[in-house]
Amino acid sequence: MVFDIIASLHWQTKKTMENTEQTLFAKRFRGFFPVVIDVETAGFNKDTDALLEIAASVLKMDDDGVLSIDHTVHFHVEPFEGANIEQAAIDFNGIDPFSALRGAVPEEEAIKEICKAVRKAQKAAGCQRSVVVAHNAAFDHGFLNAAIERCKIKRTPFHPFVSFDTTSLAGLALGQTVLAKACRAAGIEFDNKQAHSALYDTERTAELFCLIVNRWQQLGGWPLPEQAEENEKPDSAAKTTE
């Protein structure tokens, strides 16, 4: 059943891409729309431990193919009913799950609003599916998927398992895998006192991802030679007919 759904999604995406003219953004990631996610939690178990904070940075691309942050959606989240809270986890991130000052909202509200914002941006970018970008992506992606399942959200813009991990990208591009060290190596300011806030970490991760993608383009790694030639063909044809 799962494989049938995945095959159907792949076929639908392929047909949509064949029947529509792709935007520059869609061409860059084969129709995928990268969304930078960070979560703060009350433990490591995505199925039992509370999601306490989540942020999503939506990206944009200019006419030169340069990627940057468009805006960020951020929520403090109420622990779901029956959620486990590990004391060591909240000691580490400094979150008081039951403080009224957090302005926390129900998990379902937070996830639905993020999905709504992502879906709108994905459509505007001409992409067919969103993928999670995160630092140690398996962790954040796992908690996001678990929350989506708990909230019974069937129409989600996110791919269920594809993700871009800035840990690997930073290791390749900058020789660093820790977020703070990778940011500093890239010339991105990083304040350890603000770290472990989903909002702060998401935007630093987004800056890091954009910098790596943009630098790869600046170094000539993108577009690929054959794609650059294809992009030039319509202009050549137009000149021939003049």
Protein backbone atom coordinates (compact mmCIF):
# COMPACT_ATOMS: atom_id res chain seq x y z
CA MET A 1 0.00 0.00 0.00
CA VAL A 2 2.77 2.43 0.94
CA PHE A 3 4.69 1.64 -2.23
CA ASP A 4 1.54 2.19 -4.31
CA ILE A 5 1.10 5.65 -2.77
CA ILE A 6 4.75 6.55 -3.38
CA ALA A 7 4.56 5.33 -6.99
CA SER A 8 1.38 7.35 -7.53
CA LEU A 9 2.98 10.50 -6.08
CA HIS A 10 6.04 10.02 -8.30
CA TRP A 11 3.89 9.54 -11.42
CA GLN A 12 1.72 12.57 -10.66
CA THR A 13 4.78 14.75 -10.02
CA LYS A 14 6.43 13.55 -13.23
CA LYS A 15 3.32 14.23 -15.34
CA THR A 16 2.86 17.69 -13.82
CA MET A 17 6.48 18.55 -14.53
CA GLU A 18 6.13 17.30 -18.13
CA ASN A 19 2.98 19.31 -18.81
CA THR A 20 4.02 22.65 -17.32
CA GLU A 21 6.90 25.00 -17.92
CA GLN A 22 9.18 24.75 -14.91
CA THR A 23 10.20 27.78 -12.90
CA LEU A 24 13.84 28.44 -12.10
CA PHE A 25 13.16 27.29 -8.54
CA ALA A 26 11.53 24.04 -9.70
CA LYS A 27 14.41 23.30 -12.06
CA ARG A 28 16.96 23.71 -9.27
CA PHE A 29 15.64 20.87 -7.09
CA ARG A 30 13.73 18.77 -9.68
CA GLY A 31 10.37 20.14 -8.61
CA PHE A 32 11.07 19.99 -4.88
CA PHE A 33 10.61 23.03 -2.63
CA PRO A 34 13.11 23.08 0.29
CA VAL A 35 11.69 24.25 3.63
CA VAL A 36 14.03 24.68 6.59
CA ILE A 37 12.67 23.15 9.80
CA ASP A 38 13.85 23.08 13.40
CA VAL A 39 12.09 21.59 16.42
CA GLU A 40 12.64 21.72 20.16
CA THR A 41 11.33 18.69 22.03
CA ALA A 42 10.99 17.08 25.45
CA GLY A 43 13.08 14.06 24.49
CA PHE A 44 14.39 11.99 21.60
CA ASN A 45 11.41 9.71 20.95
CA LYS A 46 9.24 11.19 18.20
CA ASP A 47 6.26 9.00 19.09
CA THR A 48 6.12 9.56 22.85
CA ASP A 49 7.98 12.79 23.66
CA ALA A 50 6.38 16.22 23.38
CA LEU A 51 7.00 18.62 20.53
CA LEU A 52 7.50 21.97 22.30
CA GLU A 53 8.53 24.42 19.57
CA ILE A 54 8.70 24.40 15.78
CA ALA A 55 9.79 26.90 13.14
CA ALA A 56 9.83 26.75 9.35
CA SER A 57 11.79 29.12 7.10
CA VAL A 58 10.30 29.48 3.63
CA LEU A 59 12.83 30.30 0.92
CA LYS A 60 12.74 32.36 -2.27
CA MET A 61 14.86 32.50 -5.41
CA ASP A 62 15.63 35.58 -7.51
CA ASP A 63 16.00 35.77 -11.29
CA ASP A 64 19.68 34.86 -11.02
CA GLY A 65 18.92 31.67 -9.11
CA VAL A 66 20.15 33.07 -5.78
CA LEU A 67 18.43 31.50 -2.79
CA SER A 68 17.48 33.44 0.38
CA ILE A 69 15.02 33.42 3.28
CA ASP A 70 11.57 34.76 2.45
CA HIS A 71 9.91 34.46 5.86
CA THR A 72 9.75 32.22 8.92
CA VAL A 73 6.69 30.71 10.62
CA HIS A 74 7.17 29.93 14.32
CA PHE A 75 5.09 28.38 17.11
CA HIS A 76 5.49 27.40 20.73
CA VAL A 77 3.54 24.15 21.06
CA GLU A 78 1.49 22.68 23.90
CA PRO A 79 2.49 19.09 24.77
CA PHE A 80 0.02 16.68 23.22
CA GLU A 81 -2.20 14.66 25.56
CA GLY A 82 -0.22 11.91 27.26
CA ALA A 83 3.12 13.22 26.00
CA ASN A 84 6.28 12.22 27.85
CA ILE A 85 8.57 14.99 29.10
CA GLU A 86 12.15 14.11 29.87
CA GLN A 87 13.60 16.38 32.54
CA ALA A 88 17.07 16.21 31.01
CA ALA A 89 15.70 17.48 27.69
CA ILE A 90 13.96 20.55 29.11
CA ASP A 91 16.97 21.28 31.33
CA PHE A 92 19.03 21.36 28.15
CA ASN A 93 16.77 23.58 26.02
CA GLY A 94 15.51 25.69 28.93
CA ILE A 95 11.83 25.37 27.99
CA ASP A 96 9.13 25.26 30.65
CA PRO A 97 6.43 23.29 28.79
CA PHE A 98 3.59 24.56 30.98
CA SER A 99 4.52 28.23 31.27
CA ALA A 100 1.67 30.50 30.16
CA LEU A 101 4.27 33.05 29.07
CA ARG A 102 5.24 30.82 26.13
CA GLY A 103 2.00 31.59 24.34
CA ALA A 104 1.87 27.98 23.18
CA VAL A 105 -0.82 26.74 20.81
CA PRO A 106 -2.21 23.21 20.34
CA GLU A 107 0.00 20.97 18.23
CA GLU A 108 -2.66 20.57 15.54
CA GLU A 109 -2.97 24.33 15.08
CA ALA A 110 0.78 24.77 14.74
CA ILE A 111 1.24 21.96 12.22
CA LYS A 112 -1.79 22.96 10.13
CA GLU A 113 -0.62 26.59 9.93
CA ILE A 114 2.88 25.54 8.89
CA CYS A 115 1.49 23.21 6.23
CA LYS A 116 -0.76 26.00 4.96
CA ALA A 117 2.10 28.50 4.69
CA VAL A 118 4.41 25.96 3.04
CA ARG A 119 1.78 24.82 0.55
CA LYS A 120 1.13 28.43 -0.50
CA ALA A 121 4.84 29.17 -0.99
CA GLN A 122 5.40 25.86 -2.78
CA LYS A 123 2.66 26.67 -5.27
CA ALA A 124 3.97 30.20 -5.83
CA ALA A 125 7.43 28.77 -6.57
CA GLY A 126 5.98 26.38 -9.15
CA CYS A 127 7.08 23.30 -7.22
CA GLN A 128 5.17 20.05 -6.66
CA ARG A 129 6.40 18.81 -3.27
CA SER A 130 8.19 20.26 -0.24
CA VAL A 131 11.23 18.67 1.37
CA VAL A 132 12.53 19.22 4.87
CA VAL A 133 15.92 20.91 5.23
CA ALA A 134 17.36 20.55 8.73
CA HIS A 135 20.56 20.11 10.70
CA ASN A 136 20.58 16.40 11.56
CA ALA A 137 17.44 16.17 9.45
CA ALA A 138 16.32 12.71 10.55
CA PHE A 139 15.50 14.06 14.01
CA ASP A 140 13.43 17.09 12.94
CA HIS A 141 11.80 15.25 10.03
CA GLY A 142 10.84 12.39 12.33
CA PHE A 143 9.15 14.69 14.87
CA LEU A 144 7.36 16.59 12.08
CA ASN A 145 6.04 13.36 10.54
CA ALA A 146 4.93 12.07 13.94
CA ALA A 147 3.02 15.30 14.64
CA ILE A 148 1.39 15.19 11.20
CA GLU A 149 0.28 11.61 11.88
CA ARG A 150 -1.02 12.44 15.39
CA CYS A 151 -3.02 15.35 14.00
CA LYS A 152 -4.40 13.15 11.19
CA ILE A 153 -3.38 15.67 8.54
CA LYS A 154 -3.84 13.90 5.21
CA ARG A 155 -3.03 16.76 2.85
CA THR A 156 0.54 17.57 3.76
CA PRO A 157 2.96 19.35 1.39
CA PHE A 158 5.98 17.52 2.81
CA HIS A 159 7.61 14.50 1.21
CA PRO A 160 7.38 11.66 3.75
CA PHE A 161 11.07 10.71 3.70
CA VAL A 162 13.18 12.87 1.33
CA SER A 163 15.20 15.54 3.16
CA PHE A 164 18.30 17.73 2.75
CA ASP A 165 20.66 17.50 5.73
CA THR A 166 22.82 20.57 6.34
CA THR A 167 25.07 18.47 8.58
CA SER A 168 26.28 16.55 5.53
CA LEU A 169 26.29 19.62 3.27
CA ALA A 170 28.31 21.66 5.77
CA GLY A 171 30.74 18.80 6.26
CA LEU A 172 31.33 18.70 2.52
CA ALA A 173 31.43 22.45 1.86
CA LEU A 174 32.96 23.79 5.08
CA GLY A 175 34.61 20.90 6.89
CA GLN A 176 32.29 21.38 9.89
CA THR A 177 29.26 19.42 11.08
CA VAL A 178 28.23 21.28 14.27
CA LEU A 179 25.76 24.05 13.38
CA ALA A 180 27.52 26.81 15.34
CA LYS A 181 30.95 25.92 13.93
CA ALA A 182 29.61 25.56 10.39
CA CYS A 183 27.95 28.98 10.57
CA ARG A 184 31.11 30.63 11.85
CA ALA A 185 33.18 28.92 9.13
CA ALA A 186 30.72 30.32 6.59
CA GLY A 187 30.89 33.84 8.07
CA ILE A 188 27.40 33.63 9.53
CA GLU A 189 27.07 35.15 13.01
CA PHE A 190 26.00 32.59 15.62
CA ASP A 191 25.10 33.43 19.23
CA ASN A 192 25.29 30.40 21.52
CA LYS A 193 23.04 32.17 24.04
CA GLN A 194 20.19 32.17 21.51
CA ALA A 195 20.81 28.61 20.32
CA HIS A 196 18.28 25.85 21.04
CA SER A 197 15.44 28.18 20.15
CA ALA A 198 13.62 26.74 17.14
CA LEU A 199 13.24 30.20 15.62
CA TYR A 200 16.93 31.09 15.95
CA ASP A 201 18.28 27.71 14.87
CA THR A 202 15.93 27.52 11.88
CA GLU A 203 17.03 30.87 10.49
CA ARG A 204 20.74 30.10 11.01
CA THR A 205 20.25 26.73 9.31
CA ALA A 206 18.40 28.45 6.45
CA GLU A 207 21.21 30.96 6.02
CA LEU A 208 23.72 28.12 5.98
CA PHE A 209 21.76 26.11 3.40
CA CYS A 210 21.32 29.14 1.14
CA LEU A 211 25.00 30.02 1.37
CA ILE A 212 26.09 26.50 0.38
CA VAL A 213 23.64 26.31 -2.53
CA ASN A 214 24.56 29.79 -3.77
CA ARG A 215 28.29 29.18 -3.44
CA TRP A 216 28.01 25.97 -5.44
CA GLN A 217 26.39 27.99 -8.22
CA GLN A 218 29.04 30.71 -8.00
CA LEU A 219 31.77 28.08 -8.35
CA GLY A 220 30.17 26.83 -11.57
CA GLY A 221 28.61 23.68 -10.18
CA TRP A 222 25.11 24.72 -11.27
CA PRO A 223 23.50 24.65 -13.76
CA LEU A 224 24.99 21.49 -15.22
CA PRO A 225 26.53 21.98 -18.70
CA GLU A 226 23.77 20.10 -20.56
CA GLN A 227 21.08 22.07 -18.71
CA ALA A 228 22.81 25.35 -19.54
CA GLU A 229 22.81 24.31 -23.20
CA GLU A 230 19.10 23.44 -23.08
CA ASN A 231 18.32 26.82 -21.53
CA GLU A 232 20.05 28.50 -24.47
CA LYS A 233 18.16 26.55 -27.16
CA PRO A 234 14.97 28.68 -27.23
CA ASP A 235 17.05 31.84 -27.71
CA SER A 236 19.01 30.18 -30.51
CA ALA A 237 15.80 29.05 -32.18
CA ALA A 238 14.35 32.54 -31.88
CA LYS A 239 17.42 34.06 -33.55
CA THR A 240 17.18 31.55 -36.39
CA THR A 241 13.60 32.58 -37.16
CA GLU A 242 14.39 36.29 -37.13
